[in-house]
């Protein structure tokens, strides 16, 4: 597992805590900042490893699943902020 994958996983795991912090402080900017960090972590992953062209099928499936979780997290967070996200990028 690559360090960029670990960083993205750690970032995604922080979502619940970031939502709680934003709610407690009545600060939607916390969610916006968090989503920016997720996007940056995914960009590092995307530049670091091959997702669709991974040689190992398990690696490819893992990275595709990680990509889907990232998309779901960003979409959910943007929805909370009242921002429509594109269906596909």
Protein backbone atom coordinates (compact mmCIF):
# COMPACT_ATOMS: atom_id res chain seq x y z
CA UNK A 1 0.00 0.00 0.00
CA UNK A 2 1.40 3.36 -1.03
CA UNK A 3 1.73 6.33 1.31
CA UNK A 4 -0.68 8.34 -0.84
CA UNK A 5 -3.29 5.61 -0.34
CA UNK A 6 -2.76 5.68 3.43
CA UNK A 7 -3.04 9.48 3.50
CA UNK A 8 -6.31 9.39 1.58
CA UNK A 9 -7.74 6.68 3.83
CA UNK A 10 -6.81 8.66 6.93
CA UNK A 11 -8.39 11.75 5.43
CA UNK A 12 -11.62 9.88 4.64
CA UNK A 13 -11.74 8.40 8.13
CA UNK A 14 -11.71 11.91 9.60
CA UNK A 15 -15.02 12.83 7.92
CA UNK A 16 -17.29 12.06 10.87
CA UNK A 17 -15.12 14.04 13.27
CA UNK A 18 -14.97 17.00 10.91
CA UNK A 19 -18.76 16.98 10.55
CA UNK A 20 -19.18 16.90 14.33
CA UNK A 21 -16.71 19.75 14.77
CA UNK A 22 -18.46 21.84 12.10
CA UNK A 23 -21.84 21.23 13.74
CA UNK A 24 -20.61 22.06 17.24
CA UNK A 25 -18.97 25.28 16.10
CA UNK A 26 -21.71 26.19 13.57
CA UNK A 27 -18.95 26.54 11.00
CA UNK A 28 -19.56 25.21 7.48
CA UNK A 29 -16.09 26.41 6.52
CA UNK A 30 -14.69 23.40 8.42
CA UNK A 31 -16.48 21.12 5.95
CA UNK A 32 -15.26 23.17 2.99
CA UNK A 33 -11.66 23.03 4.22
CA UNK A 34 -11.95 19.30 4.88
CA UNK A 35 -13.28 18.66 1.35
CA UNK A 36 -10.35 20.59 -0.07
CA UNK A 37 -7.98 18.34 1.90
CA UNK A 38 -9.77 15.24 0.56
CA UNK A 39 -9.46 16.54 -3.00
CA UNK A 40 -5.75 17.23 -2.49
CA UNK A 41 -5.19 13.76 -1.02
CA UNK A 42 -6.98 12.15 -3.95
CA UNK A 43 -4.97 14.23 -6.41
CA UNK A 44 -1.74 12.97 -4.79
CA UNK A 45 -3.00 9.40 -5.10
CA UNK A 46 -4.02 9.91 -8.71
CA UNK A 47 -0.58 11.28 -9.58
CA UNK A 48 1.26 8.64 -7.56
CA UNK A 49 -0.35 5.38 -8.70
CA UNK A 50 -2.23 3.93 -11.62
CA UNK A 51 -5.84 3.19 -10.78
CA UNK A 52 -7.34 1.56 -13.87
CA UNK A 53 -4.04 0.26 -15.21
CA UNK A 54 -2.89 -1.37 -11.98
CA UNK A 55 -1.37 -4.74 -12.85
CA UNK A 56 -2.80 -6.55 -9.85
CA UNK A 57 -6.59 -7.01 -9.97
CA UNK A 58 -6.94 -6.67 -6.19
CA UNK A 59 -4.96 -3.44 -6.25
CA UNK A 60 -7.15 -2.10 -9.05
CA UNK A 61 -10.35 -3.06 -7.21
CA UNK A 62 -9.07 -1.47 -3.99
CA UNK A 63 -8.15 1.78 -5.74
CA UNK A 64 -11.47 1.90 -7.58
CA UNK A 65 -13.30 1.41 -4.30
CA UNK A 66 -11.19 4.10 -2.66
CA UNK A 67 -12.00 6.42 -5.57
CA UNK A 68 -15.71 5.72 -5.19
CA UNK A 69 -15.58 6.41 -1.44
CA UNK A 70 -13.78 9.66 -2.13
CA UNK A 71 -16.43 10.72 -4.64
CA UNK A 72 -19.25 9.83 -2.22
CA UNK A 73 -17.60 11.79 0.59
CA UNK A 74 -17.06 14.87 -1.55
CA UNK A 75 -20.57 14.69 -2.95
CA UNK A 76 -22.11 14.32 0.51
CA UNK A 77 -20.04 17.17 1.94
CA UNK A 78 -20.86 19.48 -0.95
CA UNK A 79 -24.53 18.60 -0.52
CA UNK A 80 -24.35 19.67 3.12
CA UNK A 81 -22.93 22.98 1.94
CA UNK A 82 -25.73 23.38 -0.61
CA UNK A 83 -23.42 22.94 -3.58
CA UNK A 84 -24.44 20.71 -6.47
CA UNK A 85 -21.67 18.43 -7.58
CA UNK A 86 -21.23 17.14 -11.11
CA UNK A 87 -22.49 13.62 -11.71
CA UNK A 88 -19.22 12.75 -13.42
CA UNK A 89 -15.75 14.19 -13.84
